[in-house]
PDB file of N, CA and C in Angstrom:
ATOM      1  N   VAL A   1       0.984  -0.764  -0.190  1.00  0.00           N
ATOM      2  CA  VAL A   1       0.048   0.130   0.435  1.00  0.00           C
ATOM      3  C   VAL A   1       1.099   1.409   0.269  1.00  0.00           C
ATOM      4  N   GLN A   2       0.508   1.995  -0.800  1.00  0.00           N
ATOM      5  CA  GLN A   2       1.254   3.291  -1.220  1.00  0.00           C
ATOM      6  C   GLN A   2       0.281   4.680  -0.581  1.00  0.00           C
ATOM      7  N   LEU A   3       0.912   5.749  -0.021  1.00  0.00           N
ATOM      8  CA  LEU A   3      -0.054   6.928   0.112  1.00  0.00           C
ATOM      9  C   LEU A   3       1.361   7.801  -0.900  1.00  0.00           C
ATOM     10  N   GLN A   4       0.169   8.714  -1.510  1.00  0.00           N
ATOM     11  CA  GLN A   4       0.574  10.096  -1.747  1.00  0.00           C
ATOM     12  C   GLN A   4       0.051  11.310  -1.390  1.00  0.00           C
ATOM     13  N   ALA A   5       0.374  11.986  -0.419  1.00  0.00           N
ATOM     14  CA  ALA A   5      -0.145  13.230  -0.028  1.00  0.00           C
ATOM     15  C   ALA A   5       0.226  14.340  -0.886  1.00  0.00           C
ATOM     16  N   SER A   6      -0.592  15.378  -1.119  1.00  0.00           N
ATOM     17  CA  SER A   6      -0.261  16.714  -1.703  1.00  0.00           C
ATOM     18  C   SER A   6      -1.441  17.200  -1.626  1.00  0.00           C
ATOM     19  N   GLY A   7      -0.878  18.505  -1.685  1.00  0.00           N
ATOM     20  CA  GLY A   7      -2.073  20.189  -1.420  1.00  0.00           C
ATOM     21  C   GLY A   7      -1.297  20.825  -0.234  1.00  0.00           C
ATOM     22  N   GLY A   8       0.021  20.898   0.045  1.00  0.00           N
ATOM     23  CA  GLY A   8       0.924  21.983   0.723  1.00  0.00           C
ATOM     24  C   GLY A   8       1.609  23.071   0.134  1.00  0.00           C
ATOM     25  N   GLY A   9       1.621  23.629   0.719  1.00  0.00           N
ATOM     26  CA  GLY A   9       2.155  24.621   0.304  1.00  0.00           C
ATOM     27  C   GLY A   9       2.158  26.206   1.287  1.00  0.00           C
ATOM     28  N   SER A  10       2.738  27.033   0.750  1.00  0.00           N
ATOM     29  CA  SER A  10       2.680  28.586   1.619  1.00  0.00           C
ATOM     30  C   SER A  10       1.329  29.247   1.390  1.00  0.00           C
ATOM     31  N   VAL A  11       1.316  29.724   2.719  1.00  0.00           N
ATOM     32  CA  VAL A  11       0.112  30.545   2.574  1.00  0.00           C
ATOM     33  C   VAL A  11       0.095  31.844   3.614  1.00  0.00           C
ATOM     34  N   GLN A  12      -0.540  32.561   3.875  1.00  0.00           N
ATOM     35  CA  GLN A  12      -0.957  33.885   4.768  1.00  0.00           C
ATOM     36  C   GLN A  12      -1.638  33.401   5.742  1.00  0.00           C
ATOM     37  N   ALA A  13      -1.548  33.448   7.192  1.00  0.00           N
ATOM     38  CA  ALA A  13      -2.186  33.555   8.255  1.00  0.00           C
ATOM     39  C   ALA A  13      -3.565  33.741   7.740  1.00  0.00           C
ATOM     40  N   GLY A  14      -4.852  33.198   8.080  1.00  0.00           N
ATOM     41  CA  GLY A  14      -5.924  33.380   8.035  1.00  0.00           C
ATOM     42  C   GLY A  14      -6.632  32.626   6.812  1.00  0.00           C
ATOM     43  N   GLY A  15      -5.767  32.047   5.465  1.00  0.00           N
ATOM     44  CA  GLY A  15      -6.034  31.546   4.416  1.00  0.00           C
ATOM     45  C   GLY A  15      -6.858  30.192   4.431  1.00  0.00           C
ATOM     46  N   SER A  16      -6.649  29.392   3.472  1.00  0.00           N
ATOM     47  CA  SER A  16      -6.888  27.947   3.093  1.00  0.00           C
ATOM     48  C   SER A  16      -6.546  27.014   2.662  1.00  0.00           C
ATOM     49  N   LEU A  17      -6.242  25.956   2.895  1.00  0.00           N
ATOM     50  CA  LEU A  17      -5.673  25.171   1.804  1.00  0.00           C
ATOM     51  C   LEU A  17      -6.020  23.905   2.059  1.00  0.00           C
ATOM     52  N   LYS A  18      -6.214  22.879   1.317  1.00  0.00           N
ATOM     53  CA  LYS A  18      -6.908  21.636   1.745  1.00  0.00           C
ATOM     54  C   LYS A  18      -5.746  20.242   0.870  1.00  0.00           C
ATOM     55  N   LEU A  19      -5.602  19.577   2.133  1.00  0.00           N
ATOM     56  CA  LEU A  19      -4.583  18.761   1.766  1.00  0.00           C
ATOM     57  C   LEU A  19      -5.577  16.969   0.998  1.00  0.00           C
ATOM     58  N   SER A  20      -4.809  16.242   0.436  1.00  0.00           N
ATOM     59  CA  SER A  20      -5.291  15.269  -0.237  1.00  0.00           C
ATOM     60  C   SER A  20      -4.597  14.150  -0.011  1.00  0.00           C
ATOM     61  N   CYS A  21      -4.790  12.780   0.074  1.00  0.00           N
ATOM     62  CA  CYS A  21      -4.030  11.525   0.676  1.00  0.00           C
ATOM     63  C   CYS A  21      -4.806  10.616  -0.859  1.00  0.00           C
ATOM     64  N   LYS A  22      -3.994  10.142  -1.550  1.00  0.00           N
ATOM     65  CA  LYS A  22      -4.569   9.158  -2.387  1.00  0.00           C
ATOM     66  C   LYS A  22      -3.801   7.760  -1.497  1.00  0.00           C
ATOM     67  N   ALA A  23      -4.422   6.644  -1.497  1.00  0.00           N
ATOM     68  CA  ALA A  23      -3.585   5.268  -1.188  1.00  0.00           C
ATOM     69  C   ALA A  23      -3.881   4.310  -2.455  1.00  0.00           C
ATOM     70  N   SER A  24      -2.790   3.608  -2.878  1.00  0.00           N
ATOM     71  CA  SER A  24      -2.974   2.648  -3.982  1.00  0.00           C
ATOM     72  C   SER A  24      -2.153   1.804  -3.599  1.00  0.00           C
ATOM     73  N   GLY A  25      -3.031   0.788  -3.974  1.00  0.00           N
ATOM     74  CA  GLY A  25      -2.693  -1.009  -3.941  1.00  0.00           C
ATOM     75  C   GLY A  25      -2.997  -1.734  -2.410  1.00  0.00           C
ATOM     76  N   ILE A  26      -4.299  -1.052  -2.568  1.00  0.00           N
ATOM     77  CA  ILE A  26      -5.130  -1.852  -1.465  1.00  0.00           C
ATOM     78  C   ILE A  26      -6.676  -1.790  -2.174  1.00  0.00           C
ATOM     79  N   ILE A  27      -7.162  -2.672  -1.459  1.00  0.00           N
ATOM     80  CA  ILE A  27      -8.613  -3.143  -2.250  1.00  0.00           C
ATOM     81  C   ILE A  27      -9.669  -2.679  -1.593  1.00  0.00           C
ATOM     82  N   LEU A  28     -10.552  -2.228  -2.352  1.00  0.00           N
ATOM     83  CA  LEU A  28     -11.607  -1.290  -2.060  1.00  0.00           C
ATOM     84  C   LEU A  28     -11.828  -1.856  -0.640  1.00  0.00           C
ATOM     85  N   SER A  29     -12.639  -2.452  -0.151  1.00  0.00           N
ATOM     86  CA  SER A  29     -13.076  -3.206   0.830  1.00  0.00           C
ATOM     87  C   SER A  29     -12.411  -2.944   2.221  1.00  0.00           C
ATOM     88  N   SER A  30     -11.014  -2.815   1.765  1.00  0.00           N
ATOM     89  CA  SER A  30      -9.880  -2.474   3.292  1.00  0.00           C
ATOM     90  C   SER A  30     -10.145  -1.483   3.259  1.00  0.00           C
ATOM     91  N   PHE A  31     -10.191  -0.569   2.603  1.00  0.00           N
ATOM     92  CA  PHE A  31      -9.962   0.466   2.487  1.00  0.00           C
ATOM     93  C   PHE A  31     -11.238   1.318   3.157  1.00  0.00           C
ATOM     94  N   TRP A  32     -12.456   0.862   2.578  1.00  0.00           N
ATOM     95  CA  TRP A  32     -14.099   1.122   3.048  1.00  0.00           C
ATOM     96  C   TRP A  32     -13.848   0.895   4.517  1.00  0.00           C
ATOM     97  N   SER A  33     -13.328   0.076   5.128  1.00  0.00           N
ATOM     98  CA  SER A  33     -13.225  -0.210   6.889  1.00  0.00           C
ATOM     99  C   SER A  33     -12.328  -0.020   7.574  1.00  0.00           C
ATOM    100  N   GLY A  34     -11.230   0.871   6.898  1.00  0.00           N
ATOM    101  CA  GLY A  34     -10.630   1.350   7.060  1.00  0.00           C
ATOM    102  C   GLY A  34     -10.396   2.613   8.022  1.00  0.00           C
ATOM    103  N   GLN A  35      -9.766   3.006   9.003  1.00  0.00           N
ATOM    104  CA  GLN A  35      -9.564   4.526   9.837  1.00  0.00           C
ATOM    105  C   GLN A  35      -8.448   5.161   9.208  1.00  0.00           C
ATOM    106  N   MET A  36      -8.117   6.855   8.693  1.00  0.00           N
ATOM    107  CA  MET A  36      -7.035   7.008   8.691  1.00  0.00           C
ATOM    108  C   MET A  36      -7.543   8.363   9.232  1.00  0.00           C
ATOM    109  N   GLY A  37      -6.397   9.342   8.459  1.00  0.00           N
ATOM    110  CA  GLY A  37      -6.323  11.043   9.087  1.00  0.00           C
ATOM    111  C   GLY A  37      -4.833  11.293   8.657  1.00  0.00           C
ATOM    112  N   TRP A  38      -4.716  12.232   9.403  1.00  0.00           N
ATOM    113  CA  TRP A  38      -3.660  13.303   9.391  1.00  0.00           C
ATOM    114  C   TRP A  38      -2.806  13.594  10.859  1.00  0.00           C
ATOM    115  N   TYR A  39      -1.229  13.908  10.451  1.00  0.00           N
ATOM    116  CA  TYR A  39      -0.621  14.065  11.759  1.00  0.00           C
ATOM    117  C   TYR A  39       0.050  14.990  11.367  1.00  0.00           C
ATOM    118  N   ARG A  40       0.987  15.448  11.987  1.00  0.00           N
ATOM    119  CA  ARG A  40       1.470  17.175  11.223  1.00  0.00           C
ATOM    120  C   ARG A  40       2.940  17.315  12.642  1.00  0.00           C
ATOM    121  N   GLN A  41       4.001  17.200  12.217  1.00  0.00           N
ATOM    122  CA  GLN A  41       5.370  17.839  12.802  1.00  0.00           C
ATOM    123  C   GLN A  41       5.793  18.497  12.706  1.00  0.00           C
ATOM    124  N   ALA A  42       5.833  19.701  13.616  1.00  0.00           N
ATOM    125  CA  ALA A  42       6.657  20.685  13.215  1.00  0.00           C
ATOM    126  C   ALA A  42       7.625  21.039  13.924  1.00  0.00           C
ATOM    127  N   PRO A  43       8.940  21.820  13.388  1.00  0.00           N
ATOM    128  CA  PRO A  43      10.615  21.585  13.764  1.00  0.00           C
ATOM    129  C   PRO A  43      10.529  21.329  15.463  1.00  0.00           C
ATOM    130  N   GLY A  44      10.710  20.393  15.462  1.00  0.00           N
ATOM    131  CA  GLY A  44      11.578  20.485  16.921  1.00  0.00           C
ATOM    132  C   GLY A  44      10.688  19.905  17.831  1.00  0.00           C
ATOM    133  N   LYS A  45       8.953  19.397  17.314  1.00  0.00           N
ATOM    134  CA  LYS A  45       8.535  18.587  17.750  1.00  0.00           C
ATOM    135  C   LYS A  45       7.803  17.459  17.432  1.00  0.00           C
ATOM    136  N   GLN A  46       6.954  16.943  18.732  1.00  0.00           N
ATOM    137  CA  GLN A  46       6.618  15.129  18.068  1.00  0.00           C
ATOM    138  C   GLN A  46       5.529  15.697  17.018  1.00  0.00           C
ATOM    139  N   ARG A  47       5.475  14.002  16.728  1.00  0.00           N
ATOM    140  CA  ARG A  47       4.232  13.798  15.758  1.00  0.00           C
ATOM    141  C   ARG A  47       3.006  14.145  16.328  1.00  0.00           C
ATOM    142  N   GLU A  48       1.915  14.688  16.229  1.00  0.00           N
ATOM    143  CA  GLU A  48       0.862  14.707  16.880  1.00  0.00           C
ATOM    144  C   GLU A  48      -0.502  14.542  15.910  1.00  0.00           C
ATOM    145  N   LEU A  49      -1.062  14.063  16.418  1.00  0.00           N
ATOM    146  CA  LEU A  49      -2.599  13.677  15.495  1.00  0.00           C
ATOM    147  C   LEU A  49      -3.140  14.918  15.453  1.00  0.00           C
ATOM    148  N   VAL A  50      -3.681  15.199  13.852  1.00  0.00           N
ATOM    149  CA  VAL A  50      -4.396  16.474  13.630  1.00  0.00           C
ATOM    150  C   VAL A  50      -5.909  16.399  13.434  1.00  0.00           C
ATOM    151  N   ALA A  51      -6.142  14.864  12.646  1.00  0.00           N
ATOM    152  CA  ALA A  51      -7.066  14.256  12.988  1.00  0.00           C
ATOM    153  C   ALA A  51      -7.600  12.821  12.156  1.00  0.00           C
ATOM    154  N   GLU A  52      -8.718  12.268  12.227  1.00  0.00           N
ATOM    155  CA  GLU A  52      -9.052  11.139  11.911  1.00  0.00           C
ATOM    156  C   GLU A  52     -10.514  11.021  11.498  1.00  0.00           C
ATOM    157  N   ILE A  53     -10.568   9.881  11.075  1.00  0.00           N
ATOM    158  CA  ILE A  53     -11.825   9.301  10.364  1.00  0.00           C
ATOM    159  C   ILE A  53     -11.890   8.191   9.783  1.00  0.00           C
ATOM    160  N   ARG A  54     -13.040   7.648  10.923  1.00  0.00           N
ATOM    161  CA  ARG A  54     -13.428   6.113  10.942  1.00  0.00           C
ATOM    162  C   ARG A  54     -14.434   5.401   9.430  1.00  0.00           C
ATOM    163  N   SER A  55     -14.464   4.473   9.507  1.00  0.00           N
ATOM    164  CA  SER A  55     -15.204   3.717   8.620  1.00  0.00           C
ATOM    165  C   SER A  55     -16.486   4.082   8.682  1.00  0.00           C
ATOM    166  N   GLY A  56     -17.523   4.542   9.429  1.00  0.00           N
ATOM    167  CA  GLY A  56     -18.727   4.954   9.503  1.00  0.00           C
ATOM    168  C   GLY A  56     -18.599   6.588   9.246  1.00  0.00           C
ATOM    169  N   GLY A  57     -17.842   6.938   9.306  1.00  0.00           N
ATOM    170  CA  GLY A  57     -17.407   8.794   9.254  1.00  0.00           C
ATOM    171  C   GLY A  57     -17.616   9.244  10.315  1.00  0.00           C
ATOM    172  N   SER A  58     -17.876   9.228  11.501  1.00  0.00           N
ATOM    173  CA  SER A  58     -17.237   9.766  12.742  1.00  0.00           C
ATOM    174  C   SER A  58     -15.824  10.041  12.871  1.00  0.00           C
ATOM    175  N   SER A  59     -15.479  11.388  13.009  1.00  0.00           N
ATOM    176  CA  SER A  59     -14.287  12.225  13.398  1.00  0.00           C
ATOM    177  C   SER A  59     -13.869  12.610  14.259  1.00  0.00           C
ATOM    178  N   ASN A  60     -12.825  12.896  14.586  1.00  0.00           N
ATOM    179  CA  ASN A  60     -12.067  13.880  16.181  1.00  0.00           C
ATOM    180  C   ASN A  60     -10.736  13.972  15.445  1.00  0.00           C
ATOM    181  N   TYR A  61     -10.918  15.609  16.597  1.00  0.00           N
ATOM    182  CA  TYR A  61      -9.714  16.226  15.809  1.00  0.00           C
ATOM    183  C   TYR A  61      -9.196  16.795  17.120  1.00  0.00           C
ATOM    184  N   GLN A  62      -7.453  16.935  17.060  1.00  0.00           N
ATOM    185  CA  GLN A  62      -7.443  17.731  18.175  1.00  0.00           C
ATOM    186  C   GLN A  62      -7.649  19.055  18.309  1.00  0.00           C
ATOM    187  N   ASP A  63      -7.550  19.554  19.515  1.00  0.00           N
ATOM    188  CA  ASP A  63      -8.468  20.954  20.211  1.00  0.00           C
ATOM    189  C   ASP A  63      -8.304  22.163  19.338  1.00  0.00           C
ATOM    190  N   SER A  64      -6.705  21.984  18.778  1.00  0.00           N
ATOM    191  CA  SER A  64      -6.225  23.066  18.212  1.00  0.00           C
ATOM    192  C   SER A  64      -6.668  23.686  16.738  1.00  0.00           C
ATOM    193  N   VAL A  65      -7.308  22.221  16.543  1.00  0.00           N
ATOM    194  CA  VAL A  65      -8.029  22.714  14.553  1.00  0.00           C
ATOM    195  C   VAL A  65      -9.702  22.660  15.114  1.00  0.00           C
ATOM    196  N   LYS A  66     -10.135  22.108  15.993  1.00  0.00           N
ATOM    197  CA  LYS A  66     -11.309  21.900  16.084  1.00  0.00           C
ATOM    198  C   LYS A  66     -12.444  23.499  15.585  1.00  0.00           C
ATOM    199  N   GLY A  67     -13.163  23.557  14.692  1.00  0.00           N
ATOM    200  CA  GLY A  67     -13.625  24.568  14.233  1.00  0.00           C
ATOM    201  C   GLY A  67     -12.848  25.182  12.759  1.00  0.00           C
ATOM    202  N   ARG A  68     -11.710  24.464  12.493  1.00  0.00           N
ATOM    203  CA  ARG A  68     -11.215  25.254  11.677  1.00  0.00           C
ATOM    204  C   ARG A  68     -10.444  24.207  10.616  1.00  0.00           C
ATOM    205  N   PHE A  69     -10.552  22.802  10.779  1.00  0.00           N
ATOM    206  CA  PHE A  69     -10.030  21.679   9.910  1.00  0.00           C
ATOM    207  C   PHE A  69     -11.749  21.129   9.930  1.00  0.00           C
ATOM    208  N   THR A  70     -11.270  20.111   8.307  1.00  0.00           N
ATOM    209  CA  THR A  70     -12.559  19.261   8.406  1.00  0.00           C
ATOM    210  C   THR A  70     -11.503  18.261   7.476  1.00  0.00           C
ATOM    211  N   ILE A  71     -12.268  17.151   7.960  1.00  0.00           N
ATOM    212  CA  ILE A  71     -11.224  15.367   7.959  1.00  0.00           C
ATOM    213  C   ILE A  71     -12.720  15.174   6.821  1.00  0.00           C
ATOM    214  N   SER A  72     -12.165  14.565   5.524  1.00  0.00           N
ATOM    215  CA  SER A  72     -13.023  13.691   5.378  1.00  0.00           C
ATOM    216  C   SER A  72     -12.806  12.793   4.497  1.00  0.00           C
ATOM    217  N   ARG A  73     -13.342  11.810   2.987  1.00  0.00           N
ATOM    218  CA  ARG A  73     -13.068  10.803   2.614  1.00  0.00           C
ATOM    219  C   ARG A  73     -13.451  10.307   1.619  1.00  0.00           C
ATOM    220  N   ASP A  74     -13.357  10.198   0.360  1.00  0.00           N
ATOM    221  CA  ASP A  74     -13.837   9.041  -0.789  1.00  0.00           C
ATOM    222  C   ASP A  74     -13.692   7.910  -0.968  1.00  0.00           C
ATOM    223  N   ASN A  75     -14.386   6.794  -0.701  1.00  0.00           N
ATOM    224  CA  ASN A  75     -13.835   5.615  -0.334  1.00  0.00           C
ATOM    225  C   ASN A  75     -13.884   5.295  -2.046  1.00  0.00           C
ATOM    226  N   ALA A  76     -14.487   5.535  -2.825  1.00  0.00           N
ATOM    227  CA  ALA A  76     -15.065   5.162  -4.314  1.00  0.00           C
ATOM    228  C   ALA A  76     -13.233   5.386  -4.608  1.00  0.00           C
ATOM    229  N   LYS A  77     -12.427   6.708  -4.170  1.00  0.00           N
ATOM    230  CA  LYS A  77     -11.652   7.378  -4.836  1.00  0.00           C
ATOM    231  C   LYS A  77     -10.069   6.518  -3.985  1.00  0.00           C
ATOM    232  N   ARG A  78     -10.146   6.280  -3.245  1.00  0.00           N
ATOM    233  CA  ARG A  78      -9.190   5.577  -2.201  1.00  0.00           C
ATOM    234  C   ARG A  78      -8.460   6.825  -1.772  1.00  0.00           C
ATOM    235  N   MET A  79      -9.571   8.097  -1.684  1.00  0.00           N
ATOM    236  CA  MET A  79      -8.997   9.201  -0.825  1.00  0.00           C
ATOM    237  C   MET A  79      -9.887   9.800   0.430  1.00  0.00           C
ATOM    238  N   HIS A  80      -8.863  10.560   0.949  1.00  0.00           N
ATOM    239  CA  HIS A  80      -8.997  11.014   1.984  1.00  0.00           C
ATOM    240  C   HIS A  80      -8.383  12.469   2.026  1.00  0.00           C
ATOM    241  N   TYR A  81      -8.792  13.317   2.813  1.00  0.00           N
ATOM    242  CA  TYR A  81      -8.740  15.308   2.517  1.00  0.00           C
ATOM    243  C   TYR A  81      -8.876  15.831   3.979  1.00  0.00           C
ATOM    244  N   LEU A  82      -8.031  16.836   3.979  1.00  0.00           N
ATOM    245  CA  LEU A  82      -7.842  17.878   5.357  1.00  0.00           C
ATOM    246  C   LEU A  82      -8.378  19.239   4.727  1.00  0.00           C
ATOM    247  N   GLN A  83      -9.330  19.439   4.713  1.00  0.00           N
ATOM    248  CA  GLN A  83      -9.784  20.685   4.551  1.00  0.00           C
ATOM    249  C   GLN A  83      -9.430  22.191   5.555  1.00  0.00           C
ATOM    250  N   MET A  84      -8.137  22.927   5.374  1.00  0.00           N
ATOM    251  CA  MET A  84      -8.096  23.795   6.498  1.00  0.00           C
ATOM    252  C   MET A  84      -8.207  25.101   6.310  1.00  0.00           C
ATOM    253  N   ASN A  85      -9.008  25.917   6.945  1.00  0.00           N
ATOM    254  CA  ASN A  85      -9.635  26.936   6.760  1.00  0.00           C
ATOM    255  C   ASN A  85      -8.764  27.841   8.477  1.00  0.00           C
ATOM    256  N   SER A  86      -8.944  29.043   7.668  1.00  0.00           N
ATOM    257  CA  SER A  86      -8.286  30.278   9.343  1.00  0.00           C
ATOM    258  C   SER A  86      -7.083  29.627   9.796  1.00  0.00           C
ATOM    259  N   LEU A  87      -6.376  29.307   8.755  1.00  0.00           N
ATOM    260  CA  LEU A  87      -4.545  29.003   9.037  1.00  0.00           C
ATOM    261  C   LEU A  87      -3.959  29.862   9.604  1.00  0.00           C
ATOM    262  N   GLU A  88      -3.391  29.578  10.911  1.00  0.00           N
ATOM    263  CA  GLU A  88      -2.230  30.235  11.894  1.00  0.00           C
ATOM    264  C   GLU A  88      -1.022  29.866  12.078  1.00  0.00           C
ATOM    265  N   PRO A  89      -0.062  30.583  11.696  1.00  0.00           N
ATOM    266  CA  PRO A  89       1.489  30.439  12.254  1.00  0.00           C
ATOM    267  C   PRO A  89       1.666  29.356  12.866  1.00  0.00           C
ATOM    268  N   GLU A  90       0.978  28.863  13.730  1.00  0.00           N
ATOM    269  CA  GLU A  90       0.929  27.476  14.605  1.00  0.00           C
ATOM    270  C   GLU A  90       1.044  26.067  13.705  1.00  0.00           C
ATOM    271  N   ASP A  91      -0.001  26.229  12.837  1.00  0.00           N
ATOM    272  CA  ASP A  91      -0.231  25.465  11.656  1.00  0.00           C
ATOM    273  C   ASP A  91       0.697  24.849  10.945  1.00  0.00           C
ATOM    274  N   THR A  92       1.785  25.627  10.705  1.00  0.00           N
ATOM    275  CA  THR A  92       3.310  25.321   9.916  1.00  0.00           C
ATOM    276  C   THR A  92       3.424  23.841  10.534  1.00  0.00           C
ATOM    277  N   ALA A  93       3.809  23.231   9.641  1.00  0.00           N
ATOM    278  CA  ALA A  93       4.365  21.540   9.910  1.00  0.00           C
ATOM    279  C   ALA A  93       4.519  20.829   8.484  1.00  0.00           C
ATOM    280  N   VAL A  94       5.156  20.144   8.589  1.00  0.00           N
ATOM    281  CA  VAL A  94       4.882  18.939   7.856  1.00  0.00           C
ATOM    282  C   VAL A  94       3.942  17.552   7.915  1.00  0.00           C
ATOM    283  N   TYR A  95       3.212  17.462   7.512  1.00  0.00           N
ATOM    284  CA  TYR A  95       1.432  16.812   7.118  1.00  0.00           C
ATOM    285  C   TYR A  95       1.815  15.142   6.924  1.00  0.00           C
ATOM    286  N   TYR A  96       1.526  14.620   7.755  1.00  0.00           N
ATOM    287  CA  TYR A  96       1.671  13.250   6.914  1.00  0.00           C
ATOM    288  C   TYR A  96      -0.388  12.518   6.940  1.00  0.00           C
ATOM    289  N   CYS A  97      -0.566  11.722   5.741  1.00  0.00           N
ATOM    290  CA  CYS A  97      -1.822  11.338   5.693  1.00  0.00           C
ATOM    291  C   CYS A  97      -0.927   9.575   6.088  1.00  0.00           C
ATOM    292  N   TYR A  98      -2.019   8.766   6.836  1.00  0.00           N
ATOM    293  CA  TYR A  98      -2.508   7.375   7.302  1.00  0.00           C
ATOM    294  C   TYR A  98      -3.536   6.776   6.889  1.00  0.00           C
ATOM    295  N   VAL A  99      -3.369   5.262   6.753  1.00  0.00           N
ATOM    296  CA  VAL A  99      -4.567   4.683   6.711  1.00  0.00           C
ATOM    297  C   VAL A  99      -4.157   3.432   7.583  1.00  0.00           C
ATOM    298  N   ARG A 100      -5.258   3.228   8.128  1.00  0.00           N
ATOM    299  CA  ARG A 100      -4.924   1.792   9.378  1.00  0.00           C
ATOM    300  C   ARG A 100      -5.790   0.683   8.911  1.00  0.00           C
ATOM    301  N   ALA A 101      -5.720  -0.101   7.920  1.00  0.00           N
ATOM    302  CA  ALA A 101      -6.810  -1.226   7.913  1.00  0.00           C
ATOM    303  C   ALA A 101      -5.931  -2.734   8.061  1.00  0.00           C
ATOM    304  N   ASN A 102      -6.564  -3.363   7.962  1.00  0.00           N
ATOM    305  CA  ASN A 102      -5.982  -5.120   7.875  1.00  0.00           C
ATOM    306  C   ASN A 102      -5.063  -4.877   9.087  1.00  0.00           C
ATOM    307  N   SER A 103      -5.119  -4.134  10.373  1.00  0.00           N
ATOM    308  CA  SER A 103      -4.481  -4.043  11.316  1.00  0.00           C
ATOM    309  C   SER A 103      -3.540  -3.729  11.046  1.00  0.00           C
ATOM    310  N   ARG A 104      -2.928  -3.132  10.125  1.00  0.00           N
ATOM    311  CA  ARG A 104      -1.183  -2.193   9.684  1.00  0.00           C
ATOM    312  C   ARG A 104      -1.848  -0.721   9.405  1.00  0.00           C
ATOM    313  N   HIS A 105      -0.661  -0.123   9.860  1.00  0.00           N
ATOM    314  CA  HIS A 105      -0.411   1.335   9.495  1.00  0.00           C
ATOM    315  C   HIS A 105       0.129   1.728   7.917  1.00  0.00           C
ATOM    316  N   TYR A 106      -0.061   2.553   7.843  1.00  0.00           N
ATOM    317  CA  TYR A 106       0.625   2.886   5.972  1.00  0.00           C
ATOM    318  C   TYR A 106       0.522   4.433   6.374  1.00  0.00           C
ATOM    319  N   TRP A 107       1.922   4.545   5.524  1.00  0.00           N
ATOM    320  CA  TRP A 107       1.805   6.767   6.337  1.00  0.00           C
ATOM    321  C   TRP A 107       2.629   6.788   4.521  1.00  0.00           C
ATOM    322  N   GLY A 108       1.902   8.159   4.445  1.00  0.00           N
ATOM    323  CA  GLY A 108       2.556   9.236   3.308  1.00  0.00           C
ATOM    324  C   GLY A 108       3.688   9.712   3.572  1.00  0.00           C
ATOM    325  N   LYS A 109       4.078  10.462   2.284  1.00  0.00           N
ATOM    326  CA  LYS A 109       5.498  10.984   2.861  1.00  0.00           C
ATOM    327  C   LYS A 109       5.750  11.893   3.419  1.00  0.00           C
ATOM    328  N   GLY A 110       4.567  12.818   3.774  1.00  0.00           N
ATOM    329  CA  GLY A 110       4.725  13.922   4.184  1.00  0.00           C
ATOM    330  C   GLY A 110       4.590  15.273   3.169  1.00  0.00           C
ATOM    331  N   THR A 111       3.759  16.300   3.459  1.00  0.00           N
ATOM    332  CA  THR A 111       3.479  17.496   2.462  1.00  0.00           C
ATOM    333  C   THR A 111       3.640  18.563   3.556  1.00  0.00           C
ATOM    334  N   GLN A 112       4.483  19.503   3.099  1.00  0.00           N
ATOM    335  CA  GLN A 112       5.192  20.578   4.306  1.00  0.00           C
ATOM    336  C   GLN A 112       3.645  21.842   3.935  1.00  0.00           C
ATOM    337  N   LEU A 113       3.118  22.318   4.876  1.00  0.00           N
ATOM    338  CA  LEU A 113       2.635  23.277   5.096  1.00  0.00           C
ATOM    339  C   LEU A 113       3.160  24.565   5.476  1.00  0.00           C
ATOM    340  N   THR A 114       3.202  25.528   5.150  1.00  0.00           N
ATOM    341  CA  THR A 114       4.182  26.921   6.022  1.00  0.00           C
ATOM    342  C   THR A 114       3.174  28.505   6.011  1.00  0.00           C
ATOM    343  N   VAL A 115       2.842  28.565   7.115  1.00  0.00           N
ATOM    344  CA  VAL A 115       1.391  29.496   7.620  1.00  0.00           C
ATOM    345  C   VAL A 115       2.703  30.944   7.480  1.00  0.00           C
ATOM    346  N   SER A 116       2.529  31.929   7.402  1.00  0.00           N
ATOM    347  CA  SER A 116       3.180  33.277   7.087  1.00  0.00           C
ATOM    348  C   SER A 116       2.121  34.062   7.874  1.00  0.00           C
ATOM    349  N   SER A 117       2.806  34.673   8.587  1.00  0.00           N
ATOM    350  CA  SER A 117       1.554  36.011   9.946  1.00  0.00           C
ATOM    351  C   SER A 117       2.337  37.142   9.096  1.00  0.00           C
TER     352      SER A 117
END
């Protein structure tokens, strides 16, 4: 299974970006039943969970992004997304997507988000 994250970039505070993560090499039923989400890692900090979404569509978020970020998934396309609004400089980090399926964790390589004040 391979995950390809995209959509990162540079944006000013208050702006928006949407990250995408496409999975390949995974059968649809496994993707459908899997849990997926996004972590991020800022310089000098540990990787932290940003948002995750379960197979039934329920989701949870890190407190600092609640109300600003929205996670979604498109099972047919084997993709999940992170819509990020009202971005803050503190959101600057490398964002990693993951999929947990068949009792295994799969990771994308990460995409950089830089938010300038």
